[in-house]
């Protein structure tokens, strides 16, 4: 189950079926009747550990903000580039 937290009121939205699109930012409206604001979310699967992280913002984040994201499970960038660099470095040391 994925949980999205509204950046405005901190209301938790549960995605029990994990049916949110992964890998691209999208918008949704807060289910809290007192808030009811639209916010941006992004669900990303980490290539290093396979965990899925969910990020939320009040407005569309800048490309720099998206590039600076890290997996909330293992701390690696969700694109796996740090993991690839570690693997290449380990392979070079073994030779």
PDB file of N, CA and C in Angstrom:
ATOM      1  N   UNK A   1       0.838  -1.177   0.000  1.00  0.00           N
ATOM      2  CA  UNK A   1       0.000   0.000   0.000  1.00  0.00           C
ATOM      3  C   UNK A   1       0.886   1.244   0.000  1.00  0.00           C
ATOM      4  N   UNK A   2       0.574   2.178  -0.865  1.00  0.00           N
ATOM      5  CA  UNK A   2       1.274   3.454  -0.911  1.00  0.00           C
ATOM      6  C   UNK A   2       0.458   4.501  -0.167  1.00  0.00           C
ATOM      7  N   UNK A   3       1.158   5.432   0.471  1.00  0.00           N
ATOM      8  CA  UNK A   3       0.492   6.514   1.184  1.00  0.00           C
ATOM      9  C   UNK A   3       0.993   7.842   0.659  1.00  0.00           C
ATOM     10  N   UNK A   4       0.079   8.688   0.250  1.00  0.00           N
ATOM     11  CA  UNK A   4       0.400  10.045  -0.192  1.00  0.00           C
ATOM     12  C   UNK A   4      -0.029  10.993   0.909  1.00  0.00           C
ATOM     13  N   UNK A   5       0.794  11.989   1.201  1.00  0.00           N
ATOM     14  CA  UNK A   5       0.474  12.964   2.236  1.00  0.00           C
ATOM     15  C   UNK A   5       0.274  14.323   1.580  1.00  0.00           C
ATOM     16  N   UNK A   6      -0.882  14.907   1.784  1.00  0.00           N
ATOM     17  CA  UNK A   6      -1.182  16.222   1.223  1.00  0.00           C
ATOM     18  C   UNK A   6      -0.181  17.229   1.786  1.00  0.00           C
ATOM     19  N   UNK A   7       0.514  17.982   0.932  1.00  0.00           N
ATOM     20  CA  UNK A   7       1.503  18.946   1.419  1.00  0.00           C
ATOM     21  C   UNK A   7       0.869  20.156   2.109  1.00  0.00           C
ATOM     22  N   UNK A   8      -0.430  20.332   1.970  1.00  0.00           N
ATOM     23  CA  UNK A   8      -1.105  21.476   2.567  1.00  0.00           C
ATOM     24  C   UNK A   8      -1.636  21.170   3.966  1.00  0.00           C
ATOM     25  N   UNK A   9      -2.351  20.047   4.118  1.00  0.00           N
ATOM     26  CA  UNK A   9      -2.990  19.747   5.410  1.00  0.00           C
ATOM     27  C   UNK A   9      -2.452  18.491   6.083  1.00  0.00           C
ATOM     28  N   UNK A  10      -1.549  17.769   5.397  1.00  0.00           N
ATOM     29  CA  UNK A  10      -0.922  16.539   5.911  1.00  0.00           C
ATOM     30  C   UNK A  10      -1.891  15.349   5.998  1.00  0.00           C
ATOM     31  N   UNK A  11      -3.047  15.456   5.353  1.00  0.00           N
ATOM     32  CA  UNK A  11      -4.001  14.340   5.303  1.00  0.00           C
ATOM     33  C   UNK A  11      -3.364  13.184   4.523  1.00  0.00           C
ATOM     34  N   UNK A  12      -3.524  11.967   5.014  1.00  0.00           N
ATOM     35  CA  UNK A  12      -2.960  10.788   4.348  1.00  0.00           C
ATOM     36  C   UNK A  12      -3.970  10.174   3.395  1.00  0.00           C
ATOM     37  N   UNK A  13      -3.518   9.920   2.183  1.00  0.00           N
ATOM     38  CA  UNK A  13      -4.324   9.283   1.141  1.00  0.00           C
ATOM     39  C   UNK A  13      -3.731   7.899   0.899  1.00  0.00           C
ATOM     40  N   UNK A  14      -4.522   6.867   1.051  1.00  0.00           N
ATOM     41  CA  UNK A  14      -4.040   5.502   0.854  1.00  0.00           C
ATOM     42  C   UNK A  14      -4.348   5.020  -0.564  1.00  0.00           C
ATOM     43  N   UNK A  15      -3.347   4.452  -1.213  1.00  0.00           N
ATOM     44  CA  UNK A  15      -3.514   3.819  -2.528  1.00  0.00           C
ATOM     45  C   UNK A  15      -3.384   2.315  -2.293  1.00  0.00           C
ATOM     46  N   UNK A  16      -4.448   1.721  -1.753  1.00  0.00           N
ATOM     47  CA  UNK A  16      -4.422   0.304  -1.374  1.00  0.00           C
ATOM     48  C   UNK A  16      -4.072  -0.618  -2.534  1.00  0.00           C
ATOM     49  N   UNK A  17      -4.487  -0.259  -3.733  1.00  0.00           N
ATOM     50  CA  UNK A  17      -4.281  -1.116  -4.896  1.00  0.00           C
ATOM     51  C   UNK A  17      -3.012  -0.771  -5.658  1.00  0.00           C
ATOM     52  N   UNK A  18      -2.281   0.252  -5.189  1.00  0.00           N
ATOM     53  CA  UNK A  18      -1.060   0.711  -5.853  1.00  0.00           C
ATOM     54  C   UNK A  18      -1.293   0.900  -7.355  1.00  0.00           C
ATOM     55  N   UNK A  19      -2.352   1.645  -7.659  1.00  0.00           N
ATOM     56  CA  UNK A  19      -2.716   1.865  -9.057  1.00  0.00           C
ATOM     57  C   UNK A  19      -2.264   3.226  -9.582  1.00  0.00           C
ATOM     58  N   UNK A  20      -1.529   3.994  -8.779  1.00  0.00           N
ATOM     59  CA  UNK A  20      -1.027   5.280  -9.251  1.00  0.00           C
ATOM     60  C   UNK A  20       0.050   5.044 -10.293  1.00  0.00           C
ATOM     61  N   UNK A  21       0.102   5.942 -11.283  1.00  0.00           N
ATOM     62  CA  UNK A  21       1.153   5.856 -12.292  1.00  0.00           C
ATOM     63  C   UNK A  21       2.509   6.075 -11.627  1.00  0.00           C
ATOM     64  N   UNK A  22       3.454   5.253 -11.966  1.00  0.00           N
ATOM     65  CA  UNK A  22       4.796   5.378 -11.417  1.00  0.00           C
ATOM     66  C   UNK A  22       5.713   6.031 -12.435  1.00  0.00           C
ATOM     67  N   UNK A  23       6.560   6.928 -11.974  1.00  0.00           N
ATOM     68  CA  UNK A  23       7.575   7.501 -12.831  1.00  0.00           C
ATOM     69  C   UNK A  23       7.251   8.843 -13.453  1.00  0.00           C
ATOM     70  N   UNK A  24       6.031   9.332 -13.292  1.00  0.00           N
ATOM     71  CA  UNK A  24       5.723  10.657 -13.835  1.00  0.00           C
ATOM     72  C   UNK A  24       4.863  11.420 -12.837  1.00  0.00           C
ATOM     73  N   UNK A  25       5.113  12.718 -12.728  1.00  0.00           N
ATOM     74  CA  UNK A  25       4.353  13.558 -11.808  1.00  0.00           C
ATOM     75  C   UNK A  25       2.932  13.734 -12.320  1.00  0.00           C
ATOM     76  N   UNK A  26       1.979  13.718 -11.404  1.00  0.00           N
ATOM     77  CA  UNK A  26       0.571  13.895 -11.735  1.00  0.00           C
ATOM     78  C   UNK A  26      -0.085  14.674 -10.590  1.00  0.00           C
ATOM     79  N   UNK A  27      -1.342  15.029 -10.748  1.00  0.00           N
ATOM     80  CA  UNK A  27      -2.047  15.766  -9.695  1.00  0.00           C
ATOM     81  C   UNK A  27      -3.231  14.980  -9.181  1.00  0.00           C
ATOM     82  N   UNK A  28      -3.619  15.301  -7.960  1.00  0.00           N
ATOM     83  CA  UNK A  28      -4.837  14.767  -7.369  1.00  0.00           C
ATOM     84  C   UNK A  28      -5.388  15.797  -6.398  1.00  0.00           C
ATOM     85  N   UNK A  29      -6.643  15.645  -6.054  1.00  0.00           N
ATOM     86  CA  UNK A  29      -7.287  16.557  -5.112  1.00  0.00           C
ATOM     87  C   UNK A  29      -7.317  15.893  -3.738  1.00  0.00           C
ATOM     88  N   UNK A  30      -7.016  16.676  -2.716  1.00  0.00           N
ATOM     89  CA  UNK A  30      -7.034  16.165  -1.345  1.00  0.00           C
ATOM     90  C   UNK A  30      -8.441  15.719  -0.977  1.00  0.00           C
ATOM     91  N   UNK A  31      -8.534  14.556  -0.333  1.00  0.00           N
ATOM     92  CA  UNK A  31      -9.824  13.995   0.071  1.00  0.00           C
ATOM     93  C   UNK A  31     -10.366  14.635   1.342  1.00  0.00           C
ATOM     94  N   UNK A  32      -9.545  15.406   2.028  1.00  0.00           N
ATOM     95  CA  UNK A  32      -9.974  16.080   3.251  1.00  0.00           C
ATOM     96  C   UNK A  32     -10.909  17.229   2.857  1.00  0.00           C
ATOM     97  N   UNK A  33     -12.195  17.181   3.245  1.00  0.00           N
ATOM     98  CA  UNK A  33     -13.143  18.226   2.851  1.00  0.00           C
ATOM     99  C   UNK A  33     -12.727  19.625   3.318  1.00  0.00           C
ATOM    100  N   UNK A  34     -11.990  19.711   4.404  1.00  0.00           N
ATOM    101  CA  UNK A  34     -11.545  21.012   4.906  1.00  0.00           C
ATOM    102  C   UNK A  34     -10.428  21.593   4.039  1.00  0.00           C
ATOM    103  N   UNK A  35      -9.735  20.762   3.269  1.00  0.00           N
ATOM    104  CA  UNK A  35      -8.629  21.202   2.422  1.00  0.00           C
ATOM    105  C   UNK A  35      -9.073  21.262   0.960  1.00  0.00           C
ATOM    106  N   UNK A  36      -9.318  20.100   0.372  1.00  0.00           N
ATOM    107  CA  UNK A  36      -9.812  19.966  -0.999  1.00  0.00           C
ATOM    108  C   UNK A  36      -8.919  20.634  -2.054  1.00  0.00           C
ATOM    109  N   UNK A  37      -7.627  20.825  -1.753  1.00  0.00           N
ATOM    110  CA  UNK A  37      -6.713  21.467  -2.703  1.00  0.00           C
ATOM    111  C   UNK A  37      -6.067  20.421  -3.606  1.00  0.00           C
ATOM    112  N   UNK A  38      -5.663  20.853  -4.800  1.00  0.00           N
ATOM    113  CA  UNK A  38      -4.920  19.985  -5.721  1.00  0.00           C
ATOM    114  C   UNK A  38      -3.455  20.024  -5.349  1.00  0.00           C
ATOM    115  N   UNK A  39      -2.811  18.848  -5.435  1.00  0.00           N
ATOM    116  CA  UNK A  39      -1.374  18.774  -5.207  1.00  0.00           C
ATOM    117  C   UNK A  39      -0.744  17.820  -6.199  1.00  0.00           C
ATOM    118  N   UNK A  40       0.556  17.908  -6.315  1.00  0.00           N
ATOM    119  CA  UNK A  40       1.322  17.089  -7.251  1.00  0.00           C
ATOM    120  C   UNK A  40       1.930  15.923  -6.482  1.00  0.00           C
ATOM    121  N   UNK A  41       1.901  14.739  -7.091  1.00  0.00           N
ATOM    122  CA  UNK A  41       2.552  13.575  -6.488  1.00  0.00           C
ATOM    123  C   UNK A  41       3.402  12.868  -7.541  1.00  0.00           C
ATOM    124  N   UNK A  42       4.359  12.126  -7.066  1.00  0.00           N
ATOM    125  CA  UNK A  42       5.208  11.313  -7.936  1.00  0.00           C
ATOM    126  C   UNK A  42       5.525  10.022  -7.200  1.00  0.00           C
ATOM    127  N   UNK A  43       5.210   8.896  -7.802  1.00  0.00           N
ATOM    128  CA  UNK A  43       5.562   7.583  -7.260  1.00  0.00           C
ATOM    129  C   UNK A  43       6.698   7.041  -8.118  1.00  0.00           C
ATOM    130  N   UNK A  44       7.793   6.626  -7.461  1.00  0.00           N
ATOM    131  CA  UNK A  44       8.947   6.102  -8.199  1.00  0.00           C
ATOM    132  C   UNK A  44       9.411   4.797  -7.578  1.00  0.00           C
ATOM    133  N   UNK A  45       9.722   3.841  -8.445  1.00  0.00           N
ATOM    134  CA  UNK A  45      10.288   2.575  -7.987  1.00  0.00           C
ATOM    135  C   UNK A  45      11.808   2.689  -8.038  1.00  0.00           C
ATOM    136  N   UNK A  46      12.460   2.292  -6.964  1.00  0.00           N
ATOM    137  CA  UNK A  46      13.914   2.366  -6.873  1.00  0.00           C
ATOM    138  C   UNK A  46      14.527   1.163  -7.591  1.00  0.00           C
ATOM    139  N   UNK A  47      15.462   1.422  -8.483  1.00  0.00           N
ATOM    140  CA  UNK A  47      16.126   0.336  -9.196  1.00  0.00           C
ATOM    141  C   UNK A  47      17.137  -0.397  -8.316  1.00  0.00           C
ATOM    142  N   UNK A  48      17.585   0.253  -7.244  1.00  0.00           N
ATOM    143  CA  UNK A  48      18.567  -0.366  -6.355  1.00  0.00           C
ATOM    144  C   UNK A  48      17.931  -1.386  -5.413  1.00  0.00           C
ATOM    145  N   UNK A  49      16.789  -1.033  -4.789  1.00  0.00           N
ATOM    146  CA  UNK A  49      16.193  -1.932  -3.787  1.00  0.00           C
ATOM    147  C   UNK A  49      14.809  -2.440  -4.169  1.00  0.00           C
ATOM    148  N   UNK A  50      14.184  -1.851  -5.185  1.00  0.00           N
ATOM    149  CA  UNK A  50      12.846  -2.283  -5.602  1.00  0.00           C
ATOM    150  C   UNK A  50      11.723  -1.636  -4.813  1.00  0.00           C
ATOM    151  N   UNK A  51      12.052  -0.829  -3.805  1.00  0.00           N
ATOM    152  CA  UNK A  51      11.027  -0.152  -3.021  1.00  0.00           C
ATOM    153  C   UNK A  51      10.400   0.987  -3.809  1.00  0.00           C
ATOM    154  N   UNK A  52       9.197   1.363  -3.418  1.00  0.00           N
ATOM    155  CA  UNK A  52       8.527   2.459  -4.099  1.00  0.00           C
ATOM    156  C   UNK A  52       8.398   3.629  -3.131  1.00  0.00           C
ATOM    157  N   UNK A  53       8.790   4.804  -3.585  1.00  0.00           N
ATOM    158  CA  UNK A  53       8.708   6.023  -2.792  1.00  0.00           C
ATOM    159  C   UNK A  53       7.681   6.948  -3.420  1.00  0.00           C
ATOM    160  N   UNK A  54       6.974   7.699  -2.570  1.00  0.00           N
ATOM    161  CA  UNK A  54       5.979   8.644  -3.035  1.00  0.00           C
ATOM    162  C   UNK A  54       6.351  10.031  -2.521  1.00  0.00           C
ATOM    163  N   UNK A  55       6.381  10.997  -3.421  1.00  0.00           N
ATOM    164  CA  UNK A  55       6.733  12.371  -3.091  1.00  0.00           C
ATOM    165  C   UNK A  55       5.548  13.261  -3.428  1.00  0.00           C
ATOM    166  N   UNK A  56       5.316  14.320  -2.638  1.00  0.00           N
ATOM    167  CA  UNK A  56       4.223  15.244  -2.902  1.00  0.00           C
ATOM    168  C   UNK A  56       4.705  16.692  -2.781  1.00  0.00           C
ATOM    169  N   UNK A  57       4.077  17.563  -3.570  1.00  0.00           N
ATOM    170  CA  UNK A  57       4.388  18.996  -3.575  1.00  0.00           C
ATOM    171  C   UNK A  57       3.101  19.785  -3.746  1.00  0.00           C
ATOM    172  N   UNK A  58       3.144  21.054  -3.337  1.00  0.00           N
ATOM    173  CA  UNK A  58       2.015  21.951  -3.521  1.00  0.00           C
ATOM    174  C   UNK A  58       1.861  22.418  -4.958  1.00  0.00           C
ATOM    175  N   UNK A  59       2.955  22.405  -5.713  1.00  0.00           N
ATOM    176  CA  UNK A  59       2.932  22.781  -7.129  1.00  0.00           C
ATOM    177  C   UNK A  59       3.963  21.942  -7.865  1.00  0.00           C
ATOM    178  N   UNK A  60       3.946  21.995  -9.179  1.00  0.00           N
ATOM    179  CA  UNK A  60       4.859  21.180  -9.981  1.00  0.00           C
ATOM    180  C   UNK A  60       6.310  21.514  -9.623  1.00  0.00           C
ATOM    181  N   UNK A  61       7.088  20.507  -9.227  1.00  0.00           N
ATOM    182  CA  UNK A  61       8.476  20.761  -8.840  1.00  0.00           C
ATOM    183  C   UNK A  61       9.362  21.062 -10.049  1.00  0.00           C
ATOM    184  N   UNK A  62      10.426  21.802  -9.805  1.00  0.00           N
ATOM    185  CA  UNK A  62      11.405  22.104 -10.850  1.00  0.00           C
ATOM    186  C   UNK A  62      12.177  20.830 -11.190  1.00  0.00           C
ATOM    187  N   UNK A  63      12.727  20.737 -12.390  1.00  0.00           N
ATOM    188  CA  UNK A  63      13.514  19.559 -12.771  1.00  0.00           C
ATOM    189  C   UNK A  63      14.661  19.275 -11.786  1.00  0.00           C
ATOM    190  N   UNK A  64      15.248  20.327 -11.218  1.00  0.00           N
ATOM    191  CA  UNK A  64      16.334  20.147 -10.251  1.00  0.00           C
ATOM    192  C   UNK A  64      15.842  19.423  -8.994  1.00  0.00           C
ATOM    193  N   UNK A  65      14.619  19.759  -8.568  1.00  0.00           N
ATOM    194  CA  UNK A  65      14.041  19.105  -7.389  1.00  0.00           C
ATOM    195  C   UNK A  65      13.791  17.629  -7.671  1.00  0.00           C
ATOM    196  N   UNK A  66      13.321  17.311  -8.863  1.00  0.00           N
ATOM    197  CA  UNK A  66      13.088  15.913  -9.232  1.00  0.00           C
ATOM    198  C   UNK A  66      14.399  15.136  -9.294  1.00  0.00           C
ATOM    199  N   UNK A  67      15.447  15.780  -9.800  1.00  0.00           N
ATOM    200  CA  UNK A  67      16.747  15.126  -9.916  1.00  0.00           C
ATOM    201  C   UNK A  67      17.381  14.873  -8.551  1.00  0.00           C
ATOM    202  N   UNK A  68      16.974  15.626  -7.533  1.00  0.00           N
ATOM    203  CA  UNK A  68      17.572  15.508  -6.205  1.00  0.00           C
ATOM    204  C   UNK A  68      16.859  14.491  -5.303  1.00  0.00           C
ATOM    205  N   UNK A  69      15.865  13.783  -5.808  1.00  0.00           N
ATOM    206  CA  UNK A  69      15.113  12.828  -4.989  1.00  0.00           C
ATOM    207  C   UNK A  69      15.934  11.582  -4.664  1.00  0.00           C
ATOM    208  N   UNK A  70      15.670  11.011  -3.489  1.00  0.00           N
ATOM    209  CA  UNK A  70      16.317   9.777  -3.062  1.00  0.00           C
ATOM    210  C   UNK A  70      15.267   8.799  -2.570  1.00  0.00           C
ATOM    211  N   UNK A  71      15.545   7.510  -2.703  1.00  0.00           N
ATOM    212  CA  UNK A  71      14.647   6.458  -2.233  1.00  0.00           C
ATOM    213  C   UNK A  71      14.484   6.577  -0.716  1.00  0.00           C
ATOM    214  N   UNK A  72      13.252   6.547  -0.247  1.00  0.00           N
ATOM    215  CA  UNK A  72      13.016   6.648   1.188  1.00  0.00           C
ATOM    216  C   UNK A  72      13.308   5.333   1.917  1.00  0.00           C
ATOM    217  N   UNK A  73      13.591   4.272   1.183  1.00  0.00           N
ATOM    218  CA  UNK A  73      13.884   2.979   1.789  1.00  0.00           C
ATOM    219  C   UNK A  73      15.387   2.731   1.947  1.00  0.00           C
ATOM    220  N   UNK A  74      16.164   2.984   0.877  1.00  0.00           N
ATOM    221  CA  UNK A  74      17.605   2.677   0.919  1.00  0.00           C
ATOM    222  C   UNK A  74      18.496   3.902   0.737  1.00  0.00           C
ATOM    223  N   UNK A  75      17.917   5.046   0.360  1.00  0.00           N
ATOM    224  CA  UNK A  75      18.688   6.267   0.205  1.00  0.00           C
ATOM    225  C   UNK A  75      19.326   6.463  -1.150  1.00  0.00           C
ATOM    226  N   UNK A  76      19.185   5.515  -2.053  1.00  0.00           N
ATOM    227  CA  UNK A  76      19.760   5.639  -3.397  1.00  0.00           C
ATOM    228  C   UNK A  76      18.865   6.518  -4.263  1.00  0.00           C
ATOM    229  N   UNK A  77      19.440   7.143  -5.290  1.00  0.00           N
ATOM    230  CA  UNK A  77      18.581   7.851  -6.242  1.00  0.00           C
ATOM    231  C   UNK A  77      17.660   6.825  -6.906  1.00  0.00           C
ATOM    232  N   UNK A  78      16.370   7.131  -7.058  1.00  0.00           N
ATOM    233  CA  UNK A  78      15.448   6.149  -7.631  1.00  0.00           C
ATOM    234  C   UNK A  78      15.804   5.687  -9.039  1.00  0.00           C
ATOM    235  N   UNK A  79      16.664   6.430  -9.758  1.00  0.00           N
ATOM    236  CA  UNK A  79      17.029   5.996 -11.101  1.00  0.00           C
ATOM    237  C   UNK A  79      18.129   4.942 -11.091  1.00  0.00           C
ATOM    238  N   UNK A  80      18.715   4.666  -9.918  1.00  0.00           N
ATOM    239  CA  UNK A  80      19.719   3.613  -9.796  1.00  0.00           C
ATOM    240  C   UNK A  80      21.111   3.989 -10.250  1.00  0.00           C
ATOM    241  N   UNK A  81      21.352   5.246 -10.623  1.00  0.00           N
ATOM    242  CA  UNK A  81      22.674   5.629 -11.129  1.00  0.00           C
ATOM    243  C   UNK A  81      23.774   5.455 -10.095  1.00  0.00           C
ATOM    244  N   UNK A  82      23.476   5.738  -8.829  1.00  0.00           N
ATOM    245  CA  UNK A  82      24.489   5.563  -7.790  1.00  0.00           C
ATOM    246  C   UNK A  82      24.824   4.084  -7.624  1.00  0.00           C
ATOM    247  N   UNK A  83      23.818   3.222  -7.718  1.00  0.00           N
ATOM    248  CA  UNK A  83      24.035   1.781  -7.599  1.00  0.00           C
ATOM    249  C   UNK A  83      24.910   1.274  -8.738  1.00  0.00           C
ATOM    250  N   UNK A  84      24.657   1.765  -9.955  1.00  0.00           N
ATOM    251  CA  UNK A  84      25.465   1.356 -11.103  1.00  0.00           C
ATOM    252  C   UNK A  84      26.915   1.775 -10.914  1.00  0.00           C
ATOM    253  N   UNK A  85      27.139   2.971 -10.406  1.00  0.00           N
ATOM    254  CA  UNK A  85      28.498   3.472 -10.193  1.00  0.00           C
ATOM    255  C   UNK A  85      29.211   2.624  -9.147  1.00  0.00           C
ATOM    256  N   UNK A  86      28.499   2.239  -8.085  1.00  0.00           N
ATOM    257  CA  UNK A  86      29.103   1.384  -7.057  1.00  0.00           C
ATOM    258  C   UNK A  86      29.474   0.032  -7.647  1.00  0.00           C
ATOM    259  N   UNK A  87      28.569  -0.539  -8.449  1.00  0.00           N
ATOM    260  CA  UNK A  87      28.821  -1.847  -9.054  1.00  0.00           C
ATOM    261  C   UNK A  87      30.020  -1.789  -9.981  1.00  0.00           C
ATOM    262  N   UNK A  88      30.131  -0.733 -10.780  1.00  0.00           N
ATOM    263  CA  UNK A  88      31.260  -0.598 -11.692  1.00  0.00           C
ATOM    264  C   UNK A  88      32.561  -0.462 -10.905  1.00  0.00           C
ATOM    265  N   UNK A  89      32.535   0.314  -9.821  1.00  0.00           N
ATOM    266  CA  UNK A  89      33.732   0.486  -9.005  1.00  0.00           C
ATOM    267  C   UNK A  89      34.153  -0.817  -8.365  1.00  0.00           C
ATOM    268  N   UNK A  90      33.214  -1.617  -7.897  1.00  0.00           N
ATOM    269  CA  UNK A  90      33.539  -2.906  -7.289  1.00  0.00           C
ATOM    270  C   UNK A  90      34.123  -3.846  -8.319  1.00  0.00           C
ATOM    271  N   UNK A  91      33.588  -3.829  -9.532  1.00  0.00           N
ATOM    272  CA  UNK A  91      34.101  -4.706 -10.594  1.00  0.00           C
ATOM    273  C   UNK A  91      35.533  -4.300 -10.964  1.00  0.00           C
ATOM    274  N   UNK A  92      35.823  -3.027 -10.957  1.00  0.00           N
ATOM    275  CA  UNK A  92      37.159  -2.568 -11.293  1.00  0.00           C
ATOM    276  C   UNK A  92      38.170  -2.968 -10.220  1.00  0.00           C
ATOM    277  N   UNK A  93      37.755  -2.957  -8.947  1.00  0.00           N
ATOM    278  CA  UNK A  93      38.674  -3.328  -7.865  1.00  0.00           C
ATOM    279  C   UNK A  93      39.009  -4.811  -7.900  1.00  0.00           C
ATOM    280  N   UNK A  94      38.072  -5.660  -8.309  1.00  0.00           N
ATOM    281  CA  UNK A  94      38.275  -7.107  -8.322  1.00  0.00           C
ATOM    282  C   UNK A  94      39.298  -7.498  -9.394  1.00  0.00           C
ATOM    283  N   UNK A  95      39.310  -6.798 -10.505  1.00  0.00           N
ATOM    284  CA  UNK A  95      40.193  -7.168 -11.609  1.00  0.00           C
ATOM    285  C   UNK A  95      41.578  -7.049 -11.242  1.00  0.00           C
TER     286      UNK A  95
END
